[in-house]
Every structure is written in C-alpha cells, then in structure tokens.
N, C-alpha and C. Protein backbone atom coordinates (compact mmCIF):
# COMPACT_ATOMS: atom_id res chain seq x y z
N MET A 1 -37.53 12.14 -0.26
CA MET A 1 -36.65 13.29 -0.07
C MET A 1 -35.43 13.10 -0.96
N SER A 2 -35.03 14.14 -1.62
CA SER A 2 -33.89 14.01 -2.52
C SER A 2 -32.59 13.94 -1.72
N THR A 3 -31.59 13.44 -2.37
CA THR A 3 -30.28 13.30 -1.72
C THR A 3 -29.71 14.65 -1.34
N LEU A 4 -29.89 15.64 -2.20
CA LEU A 4 -29.36 16.97 -1.91
C LEU A 4 -30.05 17.59 -0.70
N ALA A 5 -31.37 17.48 -0.63
CA ALA A 5 -32.11 18.04 0.50
C ALA A 5 -31.71 17.35 1.80
N LEU A 6 -31.57 16.05 1.76
CA LEU A 6 -31.18 15.31 2.96
C LEU A 6 -29.76 15.69 3.39
N SER A 7 -28.87 15.85 2.44
CA SER A 7 -27.49 16.24 2.75
C SER A 7 -27.46 17.63 3.38
N VAL A 8 -28.21 18.56 2.83
CA VAL A 8 -28.26 19.92 3.39
C VAL A 8 -28.83 19.89 4.80
N TYR A 9 -29.87 19.10 5.01
CA TYR A 9 -30.49 19.01 6.32
C TYR A 9 -29.52 18.45 7.36
N VAL A 10 -28.79 17.40 6.98
CA VAL A 10 -27.84 16.78 7.91
C VAL A 10 -26.66 17.70 8.17
N LEU A 11 -26.16 18.37 7.15
CA LEU A 11 -24.99 19.22 7.32
C LEU A 11 -25.30 20.58 7.94
N MET A 12 -26.58 20.92 8.01
CA MET A 12 -26.98 22.18 8.61
C MET A 12 -26.75 22.18 10.13
N TRP A 13 -26.94 21.04 10.78
CA TRP A 13 -26.88 20.99 12.24
C TRP A 13 -25.50 21.29 12.82
N PRO A 14 -24.41 20.79 12.23
CA PRO A 14 -23.11 21.20 12.77
C PRO A 14 -22.87 22.71 12.68
N VAL A 15 -23.39 23.33 11.63
CA VAL A 15 -23.25 24.78 11.49
C VAL A 15 -24.05 25.49 12.59
N VAL A 16 -25.25 25.02 12.86
CA VAL A 16 -26.07 25.62 13.92
C VAL A 16 -25.40 25.45 15.27
N VAL A 17 -24.89 24.26 15.55
CA VAL A 17 -24.21 24.01 16.83
C VAL A 17 -22.97 24.88 16.96
N ALA A 18 -22.19 25.00 15.90
CA ALA A 18 -20.99 25.84 15.94
C ALA A 18 -21.35 27.30 16.21
N ALA A 19 -22.43 27.78 15.61
CA ALA A 19 -22.85 29.16 15.84
C ALA A 19 -23.28 29.38 17.29
N VAL A 20 -24.02 28.44 17.84
CA VAL A 20 -24.45 28.56 19.24
C VAL A 20 -23.25 28.52 20.18
N LEU A 21 -22.32 27.62 19.93
CA LEU A 21 -21.12 27.55 20.78
C LEU A 21 -20.30 28.83 20.67
N PHE A 22 -20.24 29.41 19.48
CA PHE A 22 -19.51 30.67 19.30
C PHE A 22 -20.15 31.79 20.11
N VAL A 23 -21.48 31.87 20.08
CA VAL A 23 -22.18 32.92 20.83
C VAL A 23 -21.98 32.73 22.33
N ILE A 24 -22.08 31.49 22.80
CA ILE A 24 -21.88 31.22 24.23
C ILE A 24 -20.45 31.54 24.64
N GLY A 25 -19.48 31.13 23.82
CA GLY A 25 -18.08 31.39 24.13
C GLY A 25 -17.76 32.88 24.14
N ARG A 26 -18.34 33.60 23.19
CA ARG A 26 -18.10 35.05 23.14
C ARG A 26 -18.69 35.73 24.37
N ALA A 27 -19.88 35.32 24.78
CA ALA A 27 -20.50 35.91 25.97
C ALA A 27 -19.70 35.57 27.23
N PHE A 28 -19.21 34.33 27.32
CA PHE A 28 -18.40 33.95 28.47
C PHE A 28 -17.13 34.78 28.52
N HIS A 29 -16.47 34.95 27.39
CA HIS A 29 -15.24 35.73 27.36
C HIS A 29 -15.50 37.18 27.75
N ARG A 30 -16.61 37.73 27.28
CA ARG A 30 -16.95 39.11 27.62
C ARG A 30 -17.18 39.26 29.12
N GLU A 31 -17.91 38.30 29.72
CA GLU A 31 -18.16 38.35 31.17
C GLU A 31 -16.86 38.17 31.95
N TRP A 32 -16.01 37.25 31.49
CA TRP A 32 -14.74 36.99 32.16
C TRP A 32 -13.86 38.23 32.13
N ALA A 33 -13.77 38.89 30.98
CA ALA A 33 -12.94 40.09 30.85
C ALA A 33 -13.48 41.22 31.73
N GLU A 34 -14.80 41.35 31.77
CA GLU A 34 -15.40 42.39 32.60
C GLU A 34 -15.13 42.13 34.09
N ALA A 35 -15.23 40.89 34.51
CA ALA A 35 -14.95 40.55 35.91
C ALA A 35 -13.48 40.78 36.23
N ARG A 36 -12.62 40.44 35.30
CA ARG A 36 -11.19 40.62 35.54
C ARG A 36 -10.84 42.10 35.65
N ARG A 37 -11.44 42.92 34.79
CA ARG A 37 -11.19 44.36 34.88
C ARG A 37 -11.70 44.94 36.19
N GLY A 38 -12.80 44.40 36.69
CA GLY A 38 -13.38 44.89 37.94
C GLY A 38 -12.76 44.28 39.18
N GLY A 39 -11.82 43.37 39.00
CA GLY A 39 -11.16 42.75 40.14
C GLY A 39 -12.02 41.72 40.85
N GLN A 40 -13.01 41.19 40.16
CA GLN A 40 -13.90 40.20 40.75
C GLN A 40 -13.57 38.82 40.22
N ARG A 41 -14.05 37.81 40.95
CA ARG A 41 -13.88 36.43 40.51
C ARG A 41 -15.10 36.03 39.69
N MET A 42 -14.92 35.09 38.79
CA MET A 42 -16.04 34.62 37.98
C MET A 42 -17.04 33.82 38.82
N ILE A 43 -16.55 33.06 39.76
CA ILE A 43 -17.44 32.20 40.55
C ILE A 43 -17.64 32.82 41.93
C-alpha cells in the first residue's frame, strides 16, 4: 500500500467521526428545542 493511500485511509476516519457527531448533535439540539418550545422535559 502506498504512503499516500495509507495516509488518506487513516485521516478519513476522524472526518467520518466528526460528521457522525455533528449529525447526532444537530438532531439532539433540534429535539431539545422542540421540547423546550412545547414546555416538555427532555427526560
């Protein structure tokens, strides 16, 4: 495996993890805001 391919493979995972955390965080914020507007608790 070439050095460039290995570097891209290794550096790809932090980007994937950051994207997943962003999607989860955005969904949590959306649910939290909706609950707050409705006067409900999150838990």
